[in-house]
PDB file of N, CA and C in Angstrom:
ATOM      1  N   LEU A   1      -8.539  16.973 -13.972  1.00  0.00           N
ATOM      2  CA  LEU A   1      -7.224  16.432 -14.347  1.00  0.00           C
ATOM      3  C   LEU A   1      -6.386  16.190 -13.095  1.00  0.00           C
ATOM      4  N   PHE A   2      -6.323  17.190 -12.228  1.00  0.00           N
ATOM      5  CA  PHE A   2      -5.526  17.048 -11.008  1.00  0.00           C
ATOM      6  C   PHE A   2      -6.059  15.915 -10.133  1.00  0.00           C
ATOM      7  N   ASN A   3      -7.385  15.825 -10.036  1.00  0.00           N
ATOM      8  CA  ASN A   3      -7.987  14.798  -9.192  1.00  0.00           C
ATOM      9  C   ASN A   3      -7.661  13.400  -9.714  1.00  0.00           C
ATOM     10  N   SER A   4      -7.787  13.199 -11.041  1.00  0.00           N
ATOM     11  CA  SER A   4      -7.511  11.879 -11.610  1.00  0.00           C
ATOM     12  C   SER A   4      -6.024  11.550 -11.492  1.00  0.00           C
ATOM     13  N   GLU A   5      -5.177  12.559 -11.670  1.00  0.00           N
ATOM     14  CA  GLU A   5      -3.732  12.328 -11.533  1.00  0.00           C
ATOM     15  C   GLU A   5      -3.386  11.900 -10.116  1.00  0.00           C
ATOM     16  N   ARG A   6      -4.027  12.543  -9.145  1.00  0.00           N
ATOM     17  CA  ARG A   6      -3.723  12.233  -7.751  1.00  0.00           C
ATOM     18  C   ARG A   6      -4.163  10.807  -7.418  1.00  0.00           C
ATOM     19  N   SER A   7      -5.333  10.400  -7.898  1.00  0.00           N
ATOM     20  CA  SER A   7      -5.819   9.059  -7.597  1.00  0.00           C
ATOM     21  C   SER A   7      -4.938   8.009  -8.283  1.00  0.00           C
ATOM     22  N   LEU A   8      -4.458   8.343  -9.484  1.00  0.00           N
ATOM     23  CA  LEU A   8      -3.605   7.405 -10.204  1.00  0.00           C
ATOM     24  C   LEU A   8      -2.271   7.219  -9.486  1.00  0.00           C
ATOM     25  N   SER A   9      -1.736   8.295  -8.928  1.00  0.00           N
ATOM     26  CA  SER A   9      -0.433   8.214  -8.274  1.00  0.00           C
ATOM     27  C   SER A   9      -0.553   7.634  -6.870  1.00  0.00           C
ATOM     28  N   SER A  10      -1.719   7.785  -6.246  1.00  0.00           N
ATOM     29  CA  SER A  10      -1.865   7.315  -4.869  1.00  0.00           C
ATOM     30  C   SER A  10      -2.248   5.840  -4.823  1.00  0.00           C
ATOM     31  N   ARG A  11      -2.815   5.315  -5.918  1.00  0.00           N
ATOM     32  CA  ARG A  11      -3.257   3.924  -5.891  1.00  0.00           C
ATOM     33  C   ARG A  11      -2.083   2.935  -5.779  1.00  0.00           C
ATOM     34  N   PRO A  12      -1.043   3.042  -6.626  1.00  0.00           N
ATOM     35  CA  PRO A  12       0.104   2.135  -6.470  1.00  0.00           C
ATOM     36  C   PRO A  12       0.752   2.283  -5.106  1.00  0.00           C
ATOM     37  N   ASN A  13       0.759   3.501  -4.584  1.00  0.00           N
ATOM     38  CA  ASN A  13       1.331   3.742  -3.267  1.00  0.00           C
ATOM     39  C   ASN A  13       0.533   2.984  -2.215  1.00  0.00           C
ATOM     40  N   PHE A  14      -0.800   2.996  -2.349  1.00  0.00           N
ATOM     41  CA  PHE A  14      -1.659   2.288  -1.410  1.00  0.00           C
ATOM     42  C   PHE A  14      -1.402   0.785  -1.485  1.00  0.00           C
ATOM     43  N   GLU A  15      -1.250   0.270  -2.706  1.00  0.00           N
ATOM     44  CA  GLU A  15      -0.988  -1.158  -2.876  1.00  0.00           C
ATOM     45  C   GLU A  15       0.334  -1.541  -2.211  1.00  0.00           C
ATOM     46  N   LEU A  16       1.349  -0.686  -2.371  1.00  0.00           N
ATOM     47  CA  LEU A  16       2.644  -0.954  -1.750  1.00  0.00           C
ATOM     48  C   LEU A  16       2.525  -0.946  -0.237  1.00  0.00           C
ATOM     49  N   THR A  17       1.793   0.033   0.292  1.00  0.00           N
ATOM     50  CA  THR A  17       1.629   0.141   1.738  1.00  0.00           C
ATOM     51  C   THR A  17       0.890  -1.066   2.280  1.00  0.00           C
ATOM     52  N   ARG A  18      -0.148  -1.512   1.556  1.00  0.00           N
ATOM     53  CA  ARG A  18      -0.921  -2.667   2.014  1.00  0.00           C
ATOM     54  C   ARG A  18      -0.057  -3.926   1.993  1.00  0.00           C
ATOM     55  N   ALA A  19       0.757  -4.080   0.955  1.00  0.00           N
ATOM     56  CA  ALA A  19       1.630  -5.247   0.858  1.00  0.00           C
ATOM     57  C   ALA A  19       2.645  -5.248   1.996  1.00  0.00           C
ATOM     58  N   ALA A  20       3.187  -4.066   2.306  1.00  0.00           N
ATOM     59  CA  ALA A  20       4.161  -3.960   3.391  1.00  0.00           C
ATOM     60  C   ALA A  20       3.501  -4.285   4.724  1.00  0.00           C
ATOM     61  N   ALA A  21       2.267  -3.818   4.922  1.00  0.00           N
ATOM     62  CA  ALA A  21       1.556  -4.087   6.167  1.00  0.00           C
ATOM     63  C   ALA A  21       1.285  -5.581   6.304  1.00  0.00           C
ATOM     64  N   LEU A  22       0.899  -6.225   5.205  1.00  0.00           N
ATOM     65  CA  LEU A  22       0.637  -7.667   5.252  1.00  0.00           C
ATOM     66  C   LEU A  22       1.906  -8.430   5.610  1.00  0.00           C
ATOM     67  N   ALA A  23       3.034  -8.024   5.013  1.00  0.00           N
ATOM     68  CA  ALA A  23       4.305  -8.686   5.296  1.00  0.00           C
ATOM     69  C   ALA A  23       4.682  -8.494   6.761  1.00  0.00           C
ATOM     70  N   GLU A  24       4.427  -7.300   7.291  1.00  0.00           N
ATOM     71  CA  GLU A  24       4.752  -7.021   8.686  1.00  0.00           C
ATOM     72  C   GLU A  24       3.906  -7.888   9.614  1.00  0.00           C
ATOM     73  N   TRP A  25       2.611  -8.000   9.305  1.00  0.00           N
ATOM     74  CA  TRP A  25       1.727  -8.831  10.132  1.00  0.00           C
ATOM     75  C   TRP A  25       2.163 -10.290  10.087  1.00  0.00           C
ATOM     76  N   ARG A  26       2.582 -10.750   8.901  1.00  0.00           N
ATOM     77  CA  ARG A  26       3.034 -12.142   8.794  1.00  0.00           C
ATOM     78  C   ARG A  26       4.265 -12.365   9.663  1.00  0.00           C
ATOM     79  N   GLY A  27       5.168 -11.368   9.676  1.00  0.00           N
ATOM     80  CA  GLY A  27       6.372 -11.480  10.496  1.00  0.00           C
ATOM     81  C   GLY A  27       6.025 -11.528  11.973  1.00  0.00           C
ATOM     82  N   LEU A  28       5.042 -10.718  12.380  1.00  0.00           N
ATOM     83  CA  LEU A  28       4.636 -10.699  13.785  1.00  0.00           C
ATOM     84  C   LEU A  28       4.002 -12.024  14.180  1.00  0.00           C
ATOM     85  N   CYS A  29       3.168 -12.558  13.309  1.00  0.00           N
ATOM     86  CA  CYS A  29       2.485 -13.820  13.621  1.00  0.00           C
ATOM     87  C   CYS A  29       3.482 -14.976  13.651  1.00  0.00           C
ATOM     88  N   ALA A  30       4.448 -14.958  12.734  1.00  0.00           N
ATOM     89  CA  ALA A  30       5.417 -16.049  12.660  1.00  0.00           C
ATOM     90  C   ALA A  30       6.434 -15.938  13.794  1.00  0.00           C
ATOM     91  N   GLY A  31       6.808 -14.689  14.143  1.00  0.00           N
ATOM     92  CA  GLY A  31       7.830 -14.473  15.158  1.00  0.00           C
ATOM     93  C   GLY A  31       7.344 -14.900  16.522  1.00  0.00           C
TER      94      GLY A  31
END
């Protein structure tokens, strides 16, 4: 239960982090 809960809560966080990283890279390339 704890393991599945942790993976469920960490997945959206990972998606957010990846999206933020992509946006940052785009800013660096455009800048």
